[in-house]
Amino acid sequence: MEIKINAVRFDADKKLVAFIQKKVDKLDLFFDGIVLSEVFLRLENVQDEENKVVEIRLSIPGNDLFVKKQAKTFEEAVIQSVETLSRQLNRYKEKLRGA
């Protein structure tokens, strides 16, 4: 699976990029047909502490899965996103089996 990480209007450090790659790579355990995953990191201009936004789009044959999470840290948002995507992948696999 190819992973593209895009930090919007800031540079993500190597530690954050490595963390994201490690977590997103685990999605291959749920579904091995993932072609591409795009990760977008953004800082929202809000006074709230939860101003880190992570969006992940998974390209799988015949479909795209998308999740957007907002949290205090990028790591927390990535973890929440990967958990949500794992549930979406499981539902997608069940749908494929039933078809």
PDB file of N, CA and C in Angstrom:
ATOM      1  N   MET A   1       0.842  -1.176   0.000  1.00  0.00           N
ATOM      2  CA  MET A   1       0.000   0.000   0.000  1.00  0.00           C
ATOM      3  C   MET A   1       0.886   1.238   0.000  1.00  0.00           C
ATOM      4  N   GLU A   2       0.529   2.175  -0.829  1.00  0.00           N
ATOM      5  CA  GLU A   2       1.246   3.447  -0.877  1.00  0.00           C
ATOM      6  C   GLU A   2       0.581   4.422   0.094  1.00  0.00           C
ATOM      7  N   ILE A   3       1.406   5.142   0.853  1.00  0.00           N
ATOM      8  CA  ILE A   3       0.894   6.110   1.819  1.00  0.00           C
ATOM      9  C   ILE A   3       1.423   7.489   1.454  1.00  0.00           C
ATOM     10  N   LYS A   4       0.505   8.429   1.245  1.00  0.00           N
ATOM     11  CA  LYS A   4       0.887   9.816   0.977  1.00  0.00           C
ATOM     12  C   LYS A   4       0.467  10.657   2.176  1.00  0.00           C
ATOM     13  N   ILE A   5       1.403  11.409   2.729  1.00  0.00           N
ATOM     14  CA  ILE A   5       1.107  12.259   3.881  1.00  0.00           C
ATOM     15  C   ILE A   5       1.269  13.709   3.454  1.00  0.00           C
ATOM     16  N   ASN A   6       0.195  14.487   3.609  1.00  0.00           N
ATOM     17  CA  ASN A   6       0.191  15.891   3.230  1.00  0.00           C
ATOM     18  C   ASN A   6      -0.081  16.750   4.460  1.00  0.00           C
ATOM     19  N   ALA A   7       0.879  17.576   4.819  1.00  0.00           N
ATOM     20  CA  ALA A   7       0.684  18.519   5.920  1.00  0.00           C
ATOM     21  C   ALA A   7       0.346  19.869   5.286  1.00  0.00           C
ATOM     22  N   VAL A   8      -0.829  20.379   5.608  1.00  0.00           N
ATOM     23  CA  VAL A   8      -1.310  21.622   5.009  1.00  0.00           C
ATOM     24  C   VAL A   8      -0.789  22.817   5.800  1.00  0.00           C
ATOM     25  N   ARG A   9      -0.011  23.642   5.162  1.00  0.00           N
ATOM     26  CA  ARG A   9       0.546  24.901   5.692  1.00  0.00           C
ATOM     27  C   ARG A   9       1.487  24.726   6.890  1.00  0.00           C
ATOM     28  N   PHE A  10       2.107  23.558   7.018  1.00  0.00           N
ATOM     29  CA  PHE A  10       3.166  23.356   8.008  1.00  0.00           C
ATOM     30  C   PHE A  10       3.943  22.105   7.618  1.00  0.00           C
ATOM     31  N   ASP A  11       5.115  21.924   8.195  1.00  0.00           N
ATOM     32  CA  ASP A  11       5.940  20.755   7.920  1.00  0.00           C
ATOM     33  C   ASP A  11       5.820  19.770   9.085  1.00  0.00           C
ATOM     34  N   ALA A  12       5.432  18.556   8.765  1.00  0.00           N
ATOM     35  CA  ALA A  12       5.337  17.518   9.789  1.00  0.00           C
ATOM     36  C   ALA A  12       6.737  16.979  10.065  1.00  0.00           C
ATOM     37  N   ASP A  13       7.066  16.778  11.335  1.00  0.00           N
ATOM     38  CA  ASP A  13       8.390  16.248  11.662  1.00  0.00           C
ATOM     39  C   ASP A  13       8.457  14.750  11.364  1.00  0.00           C
ATOM     40  N   LYS A  14       9.680  14.243  11.301  1.00  0.00           N
ATOM     41  CA  LYS A  14       9.902  12.835  10.919  1.00  0.00           C
ATOM     42  C   LYS A  14       9.251  11.865  11.886  1.00  0.00           C
ATOM     43  N   LYS A  15       9.229  12.226  13.158  1.00  0.00           N
ATOM     44  CA  LYS A  15       8.636  11.355  14.176  1.00  0.00           C
ATOM     45  C   LYS A  15       7.134  11.181  13.939  1.00  0.00           C
ATOM     46  N   LEU A  16       6.450  12.278  13.604  1.00  0.00           N
ATOM     47  CA  LEU A  16       5.017  12.225  13.331  1.00  0.00           C
ATOM     48  C   LEU A  16       4.752  11.421  12.062  1.00  0.00           C
ATOM     49  N   VAL A  17       5.548  11.636  11.031  1.00  0.00           N
ATOM     50  CA  VAL A  17       5.377  10.908   9.773  1.00  0.00           C
ATOM     51  C   VAL A  17       5.575   9.412   9.999  1.00  0.00           C
ATOM     52  N   ALA A  18       6.593   9.035  10.764  1.00  0.00           N
ATOM     53  CA  ALA A  18       6.852   7.620  11.060  1.00  0.00           C
ATOM     54  C   ALA A  18       5.688   7.010  11.844  1.00  0.00           C
ATOM     55  N   PHE A  19       5.148   7.769  12.818  1.00  0.00           N
ATOM     56  CA  PHE A  19       4.014   7.309  13.610  1.00  0.00           C
ATOM     57  C   PHE A  19       2.802   7.048  12.709  1.00  0.00           C
ATOM     58  N   ILE A  20       2.522   7.979  11.805  1.00  0.00           N
ATOM     59  CA  ILE A  20       1.371   7.848  10.904  1.00  0.00           C
ATOM     60  C   ILE A  20       1.549   6.628  10.000  1.00  0.00           C
ATOM     61  N   GLN A  21       2.749   6.456   9.441  1.00  0.00           N
ATOM     62  CA  GLN A  21       2.984   5.320   8.554  1.00  0.00           C
ATOM     63  C   GLN A  21       2.804   3.994   9.291  1.00  0.00           C
ATOM     64  N   LYS A  22       3.292   3.933  10.518  1.00  0.00           N
ATOM     65  CA  LYS A  22       3.164   2.712  11.313  1.00  0.00           C
ATOM     66  C   LYS A  22       1.690   2.373  11.567  1.00  0.00           C
ATOM     67  N   LYS A  23       0.907   3.377  11.943  1.00  0.00           N
ATOM     68  CA  LYS A  23      -0.503   3.138  12.256  1.00  0.00           C
ATOM     69  C   LYS A  23      -1.318   2.804  11.008  1.00  0.00           C
ATOM     70  N   VAL A  24      -1.080   3.537   9.912  1.00  0.00           N
ATOM     71  CA  VAL A  24      -1.848   3.307   8.689  1.00  0.00           C
ATOM     72  C   VAL A  24      -1.475   1.964   8.062  1.00  0.00           C
ATOM     73  N   ASP A  25      -0.220   1.544   8.192  1.00  0.00           N
ATOM     74  CA  ASP A  25       0.204   0.238   7.680  1.00  0.00           C
ATOM     75  C   ASP A  25      -0.588  -0.896   8.312  1.00  0.00           C
ATOM     76  N   LYS A  26      -1.027  -0.727   9.543  1.00  0.00           N
ATOM     77  CA  LYS A  26      -1.789  -1.770  10.242  1.00  0.00           C
ATOM     78  C   LYS A  26      -3.140  -2.037   9.576  1.00  0.00           C
ATOM     79  N   LEU A  27      -3.627  -1.088   8.770  1.00  0.00           N
ATOM     80  CA  LEU A  27      -4.909  -1.296   8.094  1.00  0.00           C
ATOM     81  C   LEU A  27      -4.824  -2.436   7.081  1.00  0.00           C
ATOM     82  N   ASP A  28      -3.611  -2.740   6.612  1.00  0.00           N
ATOM     83  CA  ASP A  28      -3.432  -3.877   5.704  1.00  0.00           C
ATOM     84  C   ASP A  28      -3.837  -5.197   6.359  1.00  0.00           C
ATOM     85  N   LEU A  29      -3.793  -5.263   7.688  1.00  0.00           N
ATOM     86  CA  LEU A  29      -4.195  -6.478   8.390  1.00  0.00           C
ATOM     87  C   LEU A  29      -5.695  -6.736   8.249  1.00  0.00           C
ATOM     88  N   PHE A  30      -6.474  -5.663   8.093  1.00  0.00           N
ATOM     89  CA  PHE A  30      -7.925  -5.791   7.999  1.00  0.00           C
ATOM     90  C   PHE A  30      -8.390  -6.072   6.581  1.00  0.00           C
ATOM     91  N   PHE A  31      -7.657  -5.500   5.586  1.00  0.00           N
ATOM     92  CA  PHE A  31      -8.047  -5.660   4.188  1.00  0.00           C
ATOM     93  C   PHE A  31      -6.808  -5.473   3.336  1.00  0.00           C
ATOM     94  N   ASP A  32      -6.435  -6.504   2.591  1.00  0.00           N
ATOM     95  CA  ASP A  32      -5.185  -6.430   1.842  1.00  0.00           C
ATOM     96  C   ASP A  32      -5.330  -5.808   0.452  1.00  0.00           C
ATOM     97  N   GLY A  33      -6.521  -5.351   0.101  1.00  0.00           N
ATOM     98  CA  GLY A  33      -6.738  -4.757  -1.214  1.00  0.00           C
ATOM     99  C   GLY A  33      -6.610  -3.248  -1.242  1.00  0.00           C
ATOM    100  N   ILE A  34      -6.045  -2.644  -0.209  1.00  0.00           N
ATOM    101  CA  ILE A  34      -5.906  -1.184  -0.169  1.00  0.00           C
ATOM    102  C   ILE A  34      -4.827  -0.767  -1.170  1.00  0.00           C
ATOM    103  N   VAL A  35      -5.186   0.118  -2.090  1.00  0.00           N
ATOM    104  CA  VAL A  35      -4.258   0.565  -3.124  1.00  0.00           C
ATOM    105  C   VAL A  35      -3.454   1.766  -2.642  1.00  0.00           C
ATOM    106  N   LEU A  36      -4.136   2.737  -2.071  1.00  0.00           N
ATOM    107  CA  LEU A  36      -3.507   4.006  -1.699  1.00  0.00           C
ATOM    108  C   LEU A  36      -4.183   4.553  -0.457  1.00  0.00           C
ATOM    109  N   SER A  37      -3.397   5.157   0.407  1.00  0.00           N
ATOM    110  CA  SER A  37      -3.983   5.899   1.520  1.00  0.00           C
ATOM    111  C   SER A  37      -3.375   7.299   1.516  1.00  0.00           C
ATOM    112  N   GLU A  38      -4.249   8.277   1.587  1.00  0.00           N
ATOM    113  CA  GLU A  38      -3.829   9.676   1.640  1.00  0.00           C
ATOM    114  C   GLU A  38      -4.189  10.225   3.014  1.00  0.00           C
ATOM    115  N   VAL A  39      -3.204  10.825   3.668  1.00  0.00           N
ATOM    116  CA  VAL A  39      -3.397  11.395   4.993  1.00  0.00           C
ATOM    117  C   VAL A  39      -3.187  12.900   4.892  1.00  0.00           C
ATOM    118  N   PHE A  40      -4.168  13.666   5.345  1.00  0.00           N
ATOM    119  CA  PHE A  40      -4.068  15.119   5.353  1.00  0.00           C
ATOM    120  C   PHE A  40      -4.042  15.611   6.793  1.00  0.00           C
ATOM    121  N   LEU A  41      -3.054  16.419   7.129  1.00  0.00           N
ATOM    122  CA  LEU A  41      -2.919  16.998   8.464  1.00  0.00           C
ATOM    123  C   LEU A  41      -3.164  18.496   8.356  1.00  0.00           C
ATOM    124  N   ARG A  42      -4.042  19.012   9.223  1.00  0.00           N
ATOM    125  CA  ARG A  42      -4.359  20.444   9.192  1.00  0.00           C
ATOM    126  C   ARG A  42      -4.480  20.983  10.598  1.00  0.00           C
ATOM    127  N   LEU A  43      -4.134  22.247  10.750  1.00  0.00           N
ATOM    128  CA  LEU A  43      -4.377  22.973  11.989  1.00  0.00           C
ATOM    129  C   LEU A  43      -5.561  23.898  11.746  1.00  0.00           C
ATOM    130  N   GLU A  44      -6.611  23.752  12.545  1.00  0.00           N
ATOM    131  CA  GLU A  44      -7.777  24.624  12.436  1.00  0.00           C
ATOM    132  C   GLU A  44      -7.507  25.912  13.201  1.00  0.00           C
ATOM    133  N   ASN A  45      -8.028  27.010  12.700  1.00  0.00           N
ATOM    134  CA  ASN A  45      -7.871  28.294  13.381  1.00  0.00           C
ATOM    135  C   ASN A  45      -9.024  28.521  14.341  1.00  0.00           C
ATOM    136  N   VAL A  46      -9.000  27.764  15.422  1.00  0.00           N
ATOM    137  CA  VAL A  46     -10.027  27.906  16.449  1.00  0.00           C
ATOM    138  C   VAL A  46      -9.345  28.079  17.802  1.00  0.00           C
ATOM    139  N   GLN A  47     -10.053  28.642  18.748  1.00  0.00           N
ATOM    140  CA  GLN A  47      -9.509  28.844  20.088  1.00  0.00           C
ATOM    141  C   GLN A  47      -9.532  27.559  20.893  1.00  0.00           C
ATOM    142  N   ASP A  48     -10.275  26.581  20.423  1.00  0.00           N
ATOM    143  CA  ASP A  48     -10.393  25.304  21.116  1.00  0.00           C
ATOM    144  C   ASP A  48      -9.054  24.572  21.121  1.00  0.00           C
ATOM    145  N   GLU A  49      -8.784  23.788  22.163  1.00  0.00           N
ATOM    146  CA  GLU A  49      -7.547  23.006  22.228  1.00  0.00           C
ATOM    147  C   GLU A  49      -7.517  21.918  21.163  1.00  0.00           C
ATOM    148  N   GLU A  50      -8.684  21.413  20.789  1.00  0.00           N
ATOM    149  CA  GLU A  50      -8.757  20.343  19.800  1.00  0.00           C
ATOM    150  C   GLU A  50      -8.732  20.945  18.398  1.00  0.00           C
ATOM    151  N   ASN A  51      -7.561  21.452  17.993  1.00  0.00           N
ATOM    152  CA  ASN A  51      -7.459  22.130  16.711  1.00  0.00           C
ATOM    153  C   ASN A  51      -6.663  21.339  15.677  1.00  0.00           C
ATOM    154  N   LYS A  52      -6.289  20.086  15.986  1.00  0.00           N
ATOM    155  CA  LYS A  52      -5.548  19.245  15.044  1.00  0.00           C
ATOM    156  C   LYS A  52      -6.549  18.366  14.299  1.00  0.00           C
ATOM    157  N   VAL A  53      -6.543  18.445  12.963  1.00  0.00           N
ATOM    158  CA  VAL A  53      -7.478  17.688  12.146  1.00  0.00           C
ATOM    159  C   VAL A  53      -6.706  16.711  11.268  1.00  0.00           C
ATOM    160  N   VAL A  54      -7.148  15.462  11.270  1.00  0.00           N
ATOM    161  CA  VAL A  54      -6.567  14.424  10.425  1.00  0.00           C
ATOM    162  C   VAL A  54      -7.676  13.866   9.545  1.00  0.00           C
ATOM    163  N   GLU A  55      -7.407  13.823   8.240  1.00  0.00           N
ATOM    164  CA  GLU A  55      -8.325  13.208   7.285  1.00  0.00           C
ATOM    165  C   GLU A  55      -7.568  12.087   6.589  1.00  0.00           C
ATOM    166  N   ILE A  56      -8.186  10.925   6.493  1.00  0.00           N
ATOM    167  CA  ILE A  56      -7.566   9.796   5.807  1.00  0.00           C
ATOM    168  C   ILE A  56      -8.545   9.270   4.766  1.00  0.00           C
ATOM    169  N   ARG A  57      -8.044   9.124   3.535  1.00  0.00           N
ATOM    170  CA  ARG A  57      -8.839   8.551   2.447  1.00  0.00           C
ATOM    171  C   ARG A  57      -8.138   7.276   1.985  1.00  0.00           C
ATOM    172  N   LEU A  58      -8.864   6.162   2.029  1.00  0.00           N
ATOM    173  CA  LEU A  58      -8.339   4.888   1.559  1.00  0.00           C
ATOM    174  C   LEU A  58      -8.958   4.573   0.210  1.00  0.00           C
ATOM    175  N   SER A  59      -8.125   4.292  -0.773  1.00  0.00           N
ATOM    176  CA  SER A  59      -8.607   3.858  -2.082  1.00  0.00           C
ATOM    177  C   SER A  59      -8.543   2.342  -2.127  1.00  0.00           C
ATOM    178  N   ILE A  60      -9.710   1.744  -2.281  1.00  0.00           N
ATOM    179  CA  ILE A  60      -9.793   0.297  -2.408  1.00  0.00           C
ATOM    180  C   ILE A  60     -10.549   0.016  -3.701  1.00  0.00           C
ATOM    181  N   PRO A  61     -10.349  -1.142  -4.310  1.00  0.00           N
ATOM    182  CA  PRO A  61     -11.008  -1.425  -5.590  1.00  0.00           C
ATOM    183  C   PRO A  61     -12.523  -1.219  -5.519  1.00  0.00           C
ATOM    184  N   GLY A  62     -13.014  -0.325  -6.366  1.00  0.00           N
ATOM    185  CA  GLY A  62     -14.452  -0.083  -6.453  1.00  0.00           C
ATOM    186  C   GLY A  62     -15.011   0.866  -5.421  1.00  0.00           C
ATOM    187  N   ASN A  63     -14.158   1.429  -4.549  1.00  0.00           N
ATOM    188  CA  ASN A  63     -14.704   2.268  -3.483  1.00  0.00           C
ATOM    189  C   ASN A  63     -13.605   3.114  -2.859  1.00  0.00           C
ATOM    190  N   ASP A  64     -13.983   4.146  -2.156  1.00  0.00           N
ATOM    191  CA  ASP A  64     -13.085   4.942  -1.322  1.00  0.00           C
ATOM    192  C   ASP A  64     -13.691   5.041   0.064  1.00  0.00           C
ATOM    193  N   LEU A  65     -12.859   4.907   1.081  1.00  0.00           N
ATOM    194  CA  LEU A  65     -13.305   5.098   2.461  1.00  0.00           C
ATOM    195  C   LEU A  65     -12.663   6.369   2.976  1.00  0.00           C
ATOM    196  N   PHE A  66     -13.413   7.140   3.756  1.00  0.00           N
ATOM    197  CA  PHE A  66     -12.923   8.432   4.223  1.00  0.00           C
ATOM    198  C   PHE A  66     -13.285   8.622   5.681  1.00  0.00           C
ATOM    199  N   VAL A  67     -12.355   9.230   6.428  1.00  0.00           N
ATOM    200  CA  VAL A  67     -12.638   9.562   7.816  1.00  0.00           C
ATOM    201  C   VAL A  67     -11.942  10.879   8.147  1.00  0.00           C
ATOM    202  N   LYS A  68     -12.597  11.665   8.998  1.00  0.00           N
ATOM    203  CA  LYS A  68     -12.040  12.942   9.449  1.00  0.00           C
ATOM    204  C   LYS A  68     -12.202  13.010  10.953  1.00  0.00           C
ATOM    205  N   LYS A  69     -11.098  13.235  11.663  1.00  0.00           N
ATOM    206  CA  LYS A  69     -11.135  13.314  13.126  1.00  0.00           C
ATOM    207  C   LYS A  69     -10.397  14.561  13.594  1.00  0.00           C
ATOM    208  N   GLN A  70     -10.871  15.110  14.700  1.00  0.00           N
ATOM    209  CA  GLN A  70     -10.271  16.301  15.301  1.00  0.00           C
ATOM    210  C   GLN A  70      -9.943  15.985  16.753  1.00  0.00           C
ATOM    211  N   ALA A  71      -8.720  16.362  17.180  1.00  0.00           N
ATOM    212  CA  ALA A  71      -8.291  16.050  18.541  1.00  0.00           C
ATOM    213  C   ALA A  71      -7.246  17.059  19.008  1.00  0.00           C
ATOM    214  N   LYS A  72      -6.765  16.861  20.257  1.00  0.00           N
ATOM    215  CA  LYS A  72      -5.749  17.763  20.822  1.00  0.00           C
ATOM    216  C   LYS A  72      -4.387  17.561  20.170  1.00  0.00           C
ATOM    217  N   THR A  73      -4.090  16.313  19.763  1.00  0.00           N
ATOM    218  CA  THR A  73      -2.809  16.024  19.118  1.00  0.00           C
ATOM    219  C   THR A  73      -3.066  15.265  17.817  1.00  0.00           C
ATOM    220  N   PHE A  74      -2.112  15.356  16.906  1.00  0.00           N
ATOM    221  CA  PHE A  74      -2.234  14.616  15.658  1.00  0.00           C
ATOM    222  C   PHE A  74      -2.214  13.112  15.915  1.00  0.00           C
ATOM    223  N   GLU A  75      -1.399  12.676  16.879  1.00  0.00           N
ATOM    224  CA  GLU A  75      -1.311  11.251  17.181  1.00  0.00           C
ATOM    225  C   GLU A  75      -2.664  10.695  17.628  1.00  0.00           C
ATOM    226  N   GLU A  76      -3.329  11.437  18.502  1.00  0.00           N
ATOM    227  CA  GLU A  76      -4.647  11.013  18.994  1.00  0.00           C
ATOM    228  C   GLU A  76      -5.652  10.943  17.847  1.00  0.00           C
ATOM    229  N   ALA A  77      -5.625  11.930  16.965  1.00  0.00           N
ATOM    230  CA  ALA A  77      -6.547  11.951  15.830  1.00  0.00           C
ATOM    231  C   ALA A  77      -6.254  10.816  14.859  1.00  0.00           C
ATOM    232  N   VAL A  78      -4.976  10.490  14.665  1.00  0.00           N
ATOM    233  CA  VAL A  78      -4.611   9.379  13.780  1.00  0.00           C
ATOM    234  C   VAL A  78      -5.113   8.058  14.357  1.00  0.00           C
ATOM    235  N   ILE A  79      -4.930   7.853  15.654  1.00  0.00           N
ATOM    236  CA  ILE A  79      -5.395   6.626  16.301  1.00  0.00           C
ATOM    237  C   ILE A  79      -6.909   6.478  16.146  1.00  0.00           C
ATOM    238  N   GLN A  80      -7.646   7.558  16.406  1.00  0.00           N
ATOM    239  CA  GLN A  80      -9.106   7.516  16.259  1.00  0.00           C
ATOM    240  C   GLN A  80      -9.495   7.215  14.813  1.00  0.00           C
ATOM    241  N   SER A  81      -8.796   7.828  13.868  1.00  0.00           N
ATOM    242  CA  SER A  81      -9.096   7.631  12.444  1.00  0.00           C
ATOM    243  C   SER A  81      -8.856   6.189  12.023  1.00  0.00           C
ATOM    244  N   VAL A  82      -7.732   5.622  12.444  1.00  0.00           N
ATOM    245  CA  VAL A  82      -7.401   4.242  12.075  1.00  0.00           C
ATOM    246  C   VAL A  82      -8.410   3.273  12.681  1.00  0.00           C
ATOM    247  N   GLU A  83      -8.847   3.526  13.913  1.00  0.00           N
ATOM    248  CA  GLU A  83      -9.864   2.667  14.529  1.00  0.00           C
ATOM    249  C   GLU A  83     -11.171   2.713  13.736  1.00  0.00           C
ATOM    250  N   THR A  84     -11.569   3.915  13.333  1.00  0.00           N
ATOM    251  CA  THR A  84     -12.802   4.068  12.549  1.00  0.00           C
ATOM    252  C   THR A  84     -12.666   3.380  11.196  1.00  0.00           C
ATOM    253  N   LEU A  85     -11.524   3.557  10.547  1.00  0.00           N
ATOM    254  CA  LEU A  85     -11.319   2.930   9.242  1.00  0.00           C
ATOM    255  C   LEU A  85     -11.282   1.409   9.344  1.00  0.00           C
ATOM    256  N   SER A  86     -10.755   0.875  10.435  1.00  0.00           N
ATOM    257  CA  SER A  86     -10.734  -0.580  10.590  1.00  0.00           C
ATOM    258  C   SER A  86     -12.160  -1.120  10.675  1.00  0.00           C
ATOM    259  N   ARG A  87     -13.039  -0.396  11.371  1.00  0.00           N
ATOM    260  CA  ARG A  87     -14.446  -0.804  11.436  1.00  0.00           C
ATOM    261  C   ARG A  87     -15.100  -0.714  10.054  1.00  0.00           C
ATOM    262  N   GLN A  88     -14.791   0.376   9.310  1.00  0.00           N
ATOM    263  CA  GLN A  88     -15.345   0.532   7.958  1.00  0.00           C
ATOM    264  C   GLN A  88     -14.863  -0.588   7.040  1.00  0.00           C
ATOM    265  N   LEU A  89     -13.586  -0.956   7.160  1.00  0.00           N
ATOM    266  CA  LEU A  89     -13.044  -2.039   6.331  1.00  0.00           C
ATOM    267  C   LEU A  89     -13.700  -3.369   6.656  1.00  0.00           C
ATOM    268  N   ASN A  90     -13.950  -3.616   7.940  1.00  0.00           N
ATOM    269  CA  ASN A  90     -14.633  -4.855   8.326  1.00  0.00           C
ATOM    270  C   ASN A  90     -16.043  -4.905   7.760  1.00  0.00           C
ATOM    271  N   ARG A  91     -16.754  -3.774   7.813  1.00  0.00           N
ATOM    272  CA  ARG A  91     -18.106  -3.723   7.236  1.00  0.00           C
ATOM    273  C   ARG A  91     -18.049  -3.945   5.726  1.00  0.00           C
ATOM    274  N   TYR A  92     -17.054  -3.356   5.059  1.00  0.00           N
ATOM    275  CA  TYR A  92     -16.894  -3.494   3.625  1.00  0.00           C
ATOM    276  C   TYR A  92     -16.627  -4.961   3.256  1.00  0.00           C
ATOM    277  N   LYS A  93     -15.764  -5.631   4.031  1.00  0.00           N
ATOM    278  CA  LYS A  93     -15.471  -7.048   3.770  1.00  0.00           C
ATOM    279  C   LYS A  93     -16.728  -7.899   3.948  1.00  0.00           C
ATOM    280  N   GLU A  94     -17.510  -7.604   4.988  1.00  0.00           N
ATOM    281  CA  GLU A  94     -18.759  -8.344   5.203  1.00  0.00           C
ATOM    282  C   GLU A  94     -19.717  -8.167   4.037  1.00  0.00           C
ATOM    283  N   LYS A  95     -19.762  -6.949   3.505  1.00  0.00           N
ATOM    284  CA  LYS A  95     -20.625  -6.656   2.367  1.00  0.00           C
ATOM    285  C   LYS A  95     -20.155  -7.436   1.150  1.00  0.00           C
ATOM    286  N   LEU A  96     -18.846  -7.523   0.946  1.00  0.00           N
ATOM    287  CA  LEU A  96     -18.312  -8.280  -0.187  1.00  0.00           C
ATOM    288  C   LEU A  96     -18.621  -9.770  -0.065  1.00  0.00           C
ATOM    289  N   ARG A  97     -18.520 -10.309   1.138  1.00  0.00           N
ATOM    290  CA  ARG A  97     -18.809 -11.719   1.359  1.00  0.00           C
ATOM    291  C   ARG A  97     -20.277 -12.038   1.111  1.00  0.00           C
ATOM    292  N   GLY A  98     -21.133 -11.103   1.494  1.00  0.00           N
ATOM    293  CA  GLY A  98     -22.576 -11.317   1.343  1.00  0.00           C
ATOM    294  C   GLY A  98     -23.054 -11.164  -0.093  1.00  0.00           C
ATOM    295  N   ALA A  99     -22.266 -10.473  -0.925  1.00  0.00           N
ATOM    296  CA  ALA A  99     -22.716 -10.214  -2.315  1.00  0.00           C
ATOM    297  C   ALA A  99     -22.516 -11.420  -3.197  1.00  0.00           C
TER     298      ALA A  99
END
